[in-house]
Protein backbone atom coordinates (compact mmCIF):
# COMPACT_ATOMS: atom_id res chain seq x y z
CA MET A 1 40.17 29.24 3.99
CA ALA A 2 37.87 27.10 6.13
CA SER A 3 35.56 30.05 6.76
CA SER A 4 35.36 30.68 3.01
CA TYR A 5 34.45 27.04 2.49
CA LEU A 6 31.66 27.30 5.08
CA CYS A 7 30.36 30.47 3.43
CA HIS A 8 30.07 28.63 0.14
CA LEU A 9 28.15 25.83 1.84
CA MET A 10 25.70 28.27 3.34
CA SER A 11 25.21 30.57 0.37
CA GLY A 12 25.68 28.16 -2.50
CA LYS A 13 27.51 30.88 -4.38
CA GLY A 14 31.07 31.97 -5.11
CA LYS A 15 33.50 32.25 -7.99
CA VAL A 16 34.80 28.86 -9.06
CA LEU A 17 37.40 27.77 -11.59
CA VAL A 18 36.24 24.51 -13.19
CA ALA A 19 38.67 22.16 -14.93
CA MET A 20 36.90 21.19 -18.16
CA SER A 21 38.34 18.36 -20.24
CA GLY A 22 35.46 18.36 -22.71
CA GLY A 23 34.18 15.08 -21.32
CA ILE A 24 30.79 14.42 -19.79
CA ASP A 25 31.82 14.56 -16.11
CA SER A 26 33.59 17.91 -16.14
CA THR A 27 31.02 19.48 -18.46
CA VAL A 28 28.10 18.45 -16.25
CA SER A 29 30.02 19.65 -13.18
CA ALA A 30 30.52 23.09 -14.69
CA LEU A 31 26.90 23.42 -15.78
CA MET A 32 25.61 22.21 -12.40
CA LEU A 33 27.65 24.84 -10.59
CA HIS A 34 26.53 27.49 -13.09
CA ASP A 35 22.87 26.57 -12.51
CA GLN A 36 23.41 26.65 -8.74
CA GLY A 37 24.44 30.29 -8.95
CA TYR A 38 28.21 30.08 -8.90
CA GLU A 39 30.22 32.46 -11.03
CA VAL A 40 31.89 29.83 -13.21
CA VAL A 41 35.15 30.17 -15.11
CA GLY A 42 36.10 27.20 -17.27
CA ILE A 43 39.66 26.14 -17.93
CA THR A 44 41.05 23.34 -20.10
CA MET A 45 44.60 22.18 -19.50
CA LYS A 46 46.75 20.91 -22.34
CA THR A 47 49.18 18.53 -20.70
CA TRP A 48 50.70 16.58 -23.54
CA ASP A 49 51.26 16.88 -27.28
CA TYR A 50 51.08 13.25 -28.29
CA ALA A 51 52.33 13.89 -31.83
CA THR A 52 55.75 14.83 -30.48
CA SER A 53 56.19 11.41 -28.85
CA GLY A 54 56.23 9.54 -32.13
CA GLY A 55 53.15 7.47 -31.32
CA GLY A 56 51.07 5.98 -34.09
CA LYS A 57 47.65 7.20 -32.95
CA LYS A 58 45.94 10.53 -32.64
CA GLU A 59 45.64 12.42 -29.41
CA THR A 60 42.91 11.11 -27.15
CA GLY A 61 41.21 11.92 -23.87
CA CYS A 62 42.06 15.29 -22.35
CA CYS A 63 44.60 16.33 -24.97
CA ASN A 64 42.77 16.49 -28.29
CA LEU A 65 41.41 19.48 -30.16
CA ASP A 66 37.85 18.16 -30.27
CA SER A 67 37.75 18.03 -26.47
CA PHE A 68 39.04 21.61 -26.24
CA ASN A 69 36.32 22.74 -28.61
CA ASP A 70 33.62 20.81 -26.74
CA ALA A 71 34.62 22.47 -23.46
CA ARG A 72 34.74 25.93 -25.00
CA MET A 73 31.37 25.46 -26.71
CA ALA A 74 29.66 24.47 -23.46
CA ALA A 75 31.04 27.59 -21.79
CA VAL A 76 29.97 29.85 -24.67
CA GLU A 77 26.46 28.37 -24.76
CA HIS A 78 25.99 29.06 -21.05
CA GLY A 79 27.65 32.47 -20.99
CA PHE A 80 30.72 31.95 -18.84
CA PRO A 81 34.38 32.50 -19.79
CA HIS A 82 36.70 29.67 -20.83
CA TYR A 83 40.48 29.56 -21.11
CA ILE A 84 43.00 27.04 -22.42
CA LEU A 85 46.06 26.60 -20.24
CA ASP A 86 49.21 25.11 -21.76
CA ILE A 87 51.08 23.20 -19.05
CA ARG A 88 52.95 20.82 -21.35
CA GLU A 89 56.36 22.02 -20.25
CA GLU A 90 55.79 21.60 -16.52
CA PHE A 91 53.88 18.36 -17.11
CA GLY A 92 56.65 16.90 -19.25
CA ASP A 93 59.49 17.91 -16.99
CA PHE A 94 57.88 16.37 -13.93
CA VAL A 95 55.42 13.63 -14.88
CA ILE A 96 57.14 12.20 -17.95
CA ASN A 97 60.59 12.25 -16.39
CA ASN A 98 59.27 10.49 -13.29
CA PHE A 99 57.42 7.93 -15.43
CA VAL A 100 60.63 6.99 -17.24
CA GLU A 101 62.78 7.09 -14.10
CA GLU A 102 60.43 4.79 -12.20
CA TYR A 103 60.44 2.13 -14.90
CA MET A 104 64.20 2.39 -15.13
CA ALA A 105 64.33 1.81 -11.37
CA GLY A 106 62.33 -1.39 -11.76
CA ARG A 107 59.11 0.10 -10.37
CA THR A 108 55.62 0.61 -11.82
CA PRO A 109 54.68 4.32 -11.67
CA ASN A 110 51.26 5.87 -11.19
CA PRO A 111 51.49 9.03 -13.32
CA CYS A 112 47.87 10.12 -12.84
CA VAL A 113 48.37 10.44 -9.08
CA LEU A 114 51.58 12.39 -9.60
CA CYS A 115 49.95 14.68 -12.16
CA ASN A 116 46.94 15.36 -9.94
CA THR A 117 49.10 16.09 -6.92
CA HIS A 118 51.90 18.17 -8.37
CA ILE A 119 50.69 19.56 -11.70
CA LYS A 120 46.96 19.88 -12.32
CA TRP A 121 45.79 21.05 -8.91
CA ALA A 122 48.81 23.30 -8.45
CA ALA A 123 48.07 24.87 -11.83
CA LEU A 124 44.39 25.22 -10.94
CA LEU A 125 45.12 26.96 -7.64
CA LYS A 126 47.63 29.30 -9.24
CA ARG A 127 45.17 30.34 -11.97
CA ALA A 128 42.28 30.50 -9.50
CA ASP A 129 44.21 33.06 -7.47
CA ALA A 130 45.10 35.03 -10.61
CA LEU A 131 41.45 35.10 -11.70
CA GLY A 132 40.06 35.89 -8.25
CA CYS A 133 38.30 32.54 -7.86
CA ASP A 134 37.38 31.33 -4.39
CA PHE A 135 37.21 27.66 -5.36
CA ILE A 136 38.31 25.08 -7.89
CA ALA A 137 36.14 22.22 -9.14
CA THR A 138 36.58 19.07 -11.20
CA GLY A 139 34.40 16.24 -12.44
CA HIS A 140 35.96 13.62 -10.18
CA TYR A 141 33.72 11.17 -8.34
CA VAL A 142 34.72 11.89 -4.75
CA LYS A 143 33.46 13.74 -1.69
CA VAL A 144 35.23 16.28 0.55
CA ARG A 145 34.04 17.54 3.93
CA GLU A 146 35.50 19.46 6.86
CA GLU A 147 35.85 17.56 10.14
CA ASN A 148 37.98 18.36 13.20
CA LYS A 149 39.62 21.25 11.34
CA ARG A 150 40.78 18.96 8.54
CA PHE A 151 39.38 18.44 5.05
CA VAL A 152 38.63 14.77 4.49
CA ILE A 153 38.35 12.91 1.18
CA SER A 154 35.78 10.13 1.13
CA LYS A 155 34.45 7.71 -1.43
CA ALA A 156 31.80 8.79 -3.92
CA ARG A 157 28.25 7.49 -3.82
CA ASP A 158 28.94 5.62 -7.07
CA LEU A 159 31.57 3.16 -5.88
CA THR A 160 32.10 1.88 -9.43
CA LYS A 161 33.34 5.37 -10.37
CA ASP A 162 34.96 6.41 -7.07
CA GLN A 163 38.28 8.25 -7.64
CA SER A 164 39.41 8.83 -4.07
CA TYR A 165 42.35 6.48 -4.72
CA VAL A 166 43.94 8.86 -7.25
CA LEU A 167 43.47 12.00 -5.14
CA TRP A 168 45.29 10.90 -1.95
CA GLY A 169 48.17 13.30 -2.66
CA LEU A 170 46.14 16.53 -2.45
CA GLY A 171 47.12 18.84 0.41
CA GLN A 172 44.82 20.46 2.93
CA ASP A 173 45.21 23.87 1.29
CA CYS A 174 43.92 22.43 -1.95
CA LEU A 175 41.11 20.38 -0.43
CA SER A 176 39.84 23.41 1.49
CA ARG A 177 39.05 25.09 -1.83
CA SER A 178 37.87 22.06 -3.85
CA ILE A 179 34.30 21.31 -4.91
CA TYR A 180 33.28 17.95 -6.42
CA PRO A 181 29.69 18.24 -7.71
CA LEU A 182 29.44 14.57 -8.76
CA GLY A 183 30.31 13.04 -5.39
CA ASP A 184 26.69 12.21 -4.58
CA MET A 185 25.65 11.18 -8.09
CA LEU A 186 25.60 7.91 -10.00
CA LYS A 187 27.19 7.82 -13.44
CA THR A 188 23.80 6.91 -14.92
CA GLU A 189 22.35 10.07 -13.37
CA VAL A 190 25.18 12.17 -14.82
CA ARG A 191 24.53 10.77 -18.29
CA GLN A 192 20.81 11.47 -17.94
CA LEU A 193 21.50 15.01 -16.77
CA ALA A 194 23.80 15.64 -19.75
CA TYR A 195 21.04 14.33 -22.04
CA ASP A 196 18.42 16.53 -20.37
CA MET A 197 20.74 19.55 -20.76
CA GLY A 198 20.78 18.95 -24.52
CA TYR A 199 24.17 17.23 -24.77
CA LYS A 200 22.88 14.01 -26.30
CA GLU A 201 26.13 13.00 -28.01
CA LEU A 202 28.15 13.77 -24.89
CA ALA A 203 25.77 11.62 -22.84
CA LYS A 204 26.68 8.63 -25.02
CA LYS A 205 30.41 9.38 -25.15
CA SER A 206 32.63 6.49 -24.12
CA GLU A 207 35.36 6.94 -21.54
CA SER A 208 39.10 6.45 -21.87
CA TYR A 209 41.11 4.80 -19.13
CA GLU A 210 44.45 5.21 -20.88
CA ILE A 211 47.36 7.25 -19.59
CA CYS A 212 46.95 10.53 -21.47
CA PHE A 213 50.48 10.51 -22.89
CA VAL A 214 50.34 6.80 -23.79
CA PRO A 215 47.02 6.69 -25.68
CA ASP A 216 47.91 3.43 -27.44
CA ASN A 217 48.51 1.80 -24.02
CA ASP A 218 51.97 0.75 -25.23
CA TYR A 219 54.19 2.02 -22.41
CA ARG A 220 57.10 -0.06 -23.73
CA GLY A 221 56.99 1.76 -27.05
CA PHE A 222 56.79 5.06 -25.19
CA LEU A 223 59.92 4.21 -23.16
CA LYS A 224 61.76 3.29 -26.35
CA ARG A 225 60.85 6.62 -27.93
CA GLN A 226 61.97 8.49 -24.83
CA ILE A 227 65.28 6.58 -24.63
CA PRO A 228 66.20 5.57 -28.21
CA GLU A 229 69.13 3.40 -27.08
CA LEU A 230 67.13 1.63 -24.35
CA GLU A 231 66.64 -1.72 -26.10
CA MET A 232 70.35 -2.03 -26.81
CA GLN A 233 71.18 -1.20 -23.19
CA VAL A 234 68.90 -3.73 -21.51
CA GLU A 235 68.34 -6.62 -23.91
CA GLY A 236 69.58 -10.08 -22.99
CA GLY A 237 68.99 -10.04 -19.24
CA ASP A 238 68.22 -13.23 -17.35
CA PHE A 239 64.90 -14.75 -16.43
CA VAL A 240 65.46 -16.59 -13.16
CA LEU A 241 63.34 -18.61 -10.77
CA THR A 242 62.96 -17.70 -7.11
CA ASP A 243 65.90 -19.97 -6.22
CA GLY A 244 68.14 -18.11 -8.68
CA LYS A 245 68.14 -20.72 -11.43
CA LYS A 246 68.52 -19.13 -14.87
CA ILE A 247 65.81 -20.25 -17.27
CA GLY A 248 66.12 -17.92 -20.27
CA LYS A 249 66.74 -14.43 -21.63
CA HIS A 250 64.37 -11.47 -21.68
CA ARG A 251 64.02 -8.20 -23.60
CA GLY A 252 65.07 -5.91 -20.75
CA TYR A 253 63.78 -5.39 -17.21
CA PRO A 254 61.97 -2.04 -17.85
CA PHE A 255 59.57 -3.86 -20.17
CA TYR A 256 58.07 -6.02 -17.40
CA THR A 257 55.76 -5.37 -14.46
CA ILE A 258 54.94 -7.27 -11.27
CA GLY A 259 52.19 -9.81 -11.85
CA GLN A 260 52.70 -9.93 -15.63
CA ARG A 261 51.90 -13.25 -17.25
CA LYS A 262 51.34 -12.53 -20.93
CA GLY A 263 54.15 -11.58 -23.28
CA LEU A 264 56.94 -13.35 -21.40
CA ASP A 265 57.85 -15.42 -24.48
CA ILE A 266 59.02 -18.33 -22.37
CA ALA A 267 57.37 -21.74 -21.96
CA LEU A 268 57.83 -23.67 -18.73
CA GLY A 269 54.82 -25.98 -18.93
CA LYS A 270 52.80 -24.04 -16.37
CA PRO A 271 51.61 -20.43 -15.88
CA MET A 272 54.45 -18.18 -14.69
CA PHE A 273 54.36 -14.58 -13.51
CA VAL A 274 56.82 -11.76 -12.90
CA THR A 275 57.35 -11.74 -9.14
CA LYS A 276 60.35 -9.43 -8.82
CA ILE A 277 62.44 -7.04 -10.92
CA ILE A 278 66.11 -6.42 -10.12
CA PRO A 279 67.34 -3.47 -12.23
CA GLU A 280 70.91 -3.58 -10.90
CA THR A 281 71.53 -6.92 -12.63
CA ASN A 282 68.86 -6.65 -15.35
CA THR A 283 67.14 -9.67 -13.82
CA VAL A 284 63.47 -10.61 -13.96
CA VAL A 285 62.31 -13.22 -11.43
CA LEU A 286 59.49 -15.56 -12.43
CA GLY A 287 57.32 -17.65 -10.14
CA GLU A 288 53.98 -19.37 -9.84
CA ALA A 289 50.81 -17.55 -8.85
CA HIS A 290 51.18 -18.30 -5.14
CA GLU A 291 54.57 -16.58 -5.14
CA LEU A 292 52.84 -13.26 -5.88
CA GLN A 293 51.05 -13.48 -2.54
CA GLN A 294 52.66 -11.28 0.12
CA SER A 295 51.52 -10.15 3.54
CA GLU A 296 53.52 -7.00 4.29
CA MET A 297 54.86 -3.90 2.56
CA THR A 298 56.42 -0.54 3.28
CA VAL A 299 54.97 2.76 2.06
CA SER A 300 56.73 6.13 1.86
CA GLY A 301 55.92 9.66 0.70
CA LEU A 302 52.88 9.83 2.96
CA ASN A 303 50.23 12.52 2.67
CA MET A 304 47.91 12.68 5.68
CA ILE A 305 44.23 13.39 4.98
CA LYS A 306 41.87 12.53 7.84
CA TYR A 307 44.40 12.68 10.68
CA ASP A 308 47.68 14.50 11.14
CA ALA A 309 49.60 11.27 11.83
CA ILE A 310 49.28 7.49 11.68
CA LYS A 311 49.19 5.87 15.11
CA GLU A 312 50.78 2.55 16.03
CA ASN A 313 48.56 -0.46 15.27
CA MET A 314 46.06 1.69 13.39
CA PRO A 315 43.51 -0.49 11.55
CA ALA A 316 42.76 0.38 7.94
CA VAL A 317 41.49 -1.05 4.68
CA THR A 318 44.41 -0.69 2.26
CA LYS A 319 44.05 -0.43 -1.52
CA ILE A 320 47.15 -1.19 -3.61
CA ARG A 321 45.67 -0.36 -7.03
CA TYR A 322 42.78 1.63 -8.43
CA LYS A 323 40.37 -1.29 -8.96
CA ASP A 324 41.45 -3.06 -5.77
CA ALA A 325 38.58 -3.75 -3.36
CA GLY A 326 40.95 -3.20 -0.44
CA THR A 327 42.25 -5.50 2.31
CA GLU A 328 41.98 -5.25 6.09
CA SER A 329 45.37 -4.31 7.51
CA ILE A 330 47.26 -2.87 10.46
CA LEU A 331 49.51 0.19 10.05
CA HIS A 332 52.80 0.64 11.88
CA PRO A 333 54.53 4.05 11.53
CA GLN A 334 58.30 3.84 11.11
CA GLY A 335 59.69 7.36 10.86
CA ASP A 336 58.82 8.72 7.42
CA THR A 337 57.40 5.38 6.26
CA VAL A 338 54.60 3.03 7.24
CA LYS A 339 54.81 -0.73 7.49
CA VAL A 340 51.55 -2.38 6.44
CA HIS A 341 50.61 -5.81 7.73
CA PHE A 342 47.69 -7.35 5.81
CA ASP A 343 45.19 -9.65 7.53
CA HIS A 344 45.77 -12.07 4.66
CA ALA A 345 48.25 -12.14 1.80
CA VAL A 346 47.47 -9.96 -1.22
CA ASN A 347 48.33 -10.45 -4.85
CA SER A 348 50.87 -8.60 -7.02
CA ILE A 349 52.04 -5.74 -4.81
CA ALA A 350 53.94 -3.49 -7.24
CA PRO A 351 56.58 -1.03 -5.96
CA GLY A 352 55.88 2.44 -7.38
CA GLN A 353 52.11 2.09 -7.21
CA SER A 354 50.01 4.00 -4.70
CA ALA A 355 48.79 2.59 -1.41
CA VAL A 356 45.75 4.33 0.06
CA PHE A 357 44.48 3.69 3.58
CA TYR A 358 40.76 3.91 4.35
CA GLU A 359 38.68 4.14 7.50
CA GLY A 360 35.21 3.29 6.30
CA ASP A 361 34.71 5.53 3.26
CA ASP A 362 37.26 8.10 4.45
CA VAL A 363 40.85 8.35 3.21
CA ILE A 364 43.23 8.27 6.16
CA ALA A 365 46.36 8.83 4.06
CA GLY A 366 48.19 7.63 0.99
CA GLY A 367 51.72 6.99 -0.16
CA VAL A 368 53.93 5.09 -2.59
CA ILE A 369 54.71 1.39 -2.23
CA ARG A 370 58.45 0.82 -1.81
CA MET A 371 58.79 -2.91 -1.16
CA SER A 372 56.77 -5.96 -0.18
CA PHE A 373 57.68 -9.12 1.69
CA ASN A 374 56.40 -11.98 3.86
């Protein structure tokens, strides 16, 4: 597929399946590719029917009817086909189940990474093949290039919008066919382009940072709806200090996350944070801010991007959450896992979240945080 990728670079043409959510980024991406001479096919994926979850709000983001109509209208106005793809069943079976299982295991999941890796891009590639498309494209802010026979993800020009962190799980086969038109653009330029294209309302449209299947941002309520007996099963666990001293009762360990301060409903005369969750005993450990600082962690489920393996004592800047600026670190491979030693202690390392390793702007690899320690 590398030769096909090079052909597209040289000719600027090809048949491309564009994921269109109805938002500004994916719409502009599709229209840019169309204007550049690509044969564009638009596709909108329905991942989640929020009404079935019992939530109190309407569908938002990528899963509402207005967004579907906006995507279809853009395609119709510019003369290229558009399809709606229902992947709710595969999304629910995989992403939702994992989301619940991770919280029940005392970890904090990252469902967007999982969805991108195992659901959305897999669905895109499958439909691209069925429709005879050479490439797939999305409105993500990220760059991809070929180097040393590997396809490398790197940060977008607009670092405030960069999404390389959430795409670390994509395989080489997928990256070899991916196009990201917005990688070299600023968000302000994308808004201006949408305005110039005649999409004035879309240019002003606000963005949602919610998990698509938890549009009210109430993950606790979502867990309760998924497991109706959950509260009864987990209520009354112990809050303890680092030394094991019991200091009160909590609502159940799945309803807490590492680093949480608000909503603890316990007064100890000073700010306290969740520093550890022990699901086996339904225990939530509280500590002061300095107790959230840790200097090492282990990461599993690695996906290699820039290189085919991590070498001993490899330097990297490691990000432990999406908005994390990253911390200088040294990587030590240990079989199927990597031990990460930070140059200085970092705050609130949450098992279940993604860790992504960078060399400059390039993604070396990514994986899932398993545990942290000093």
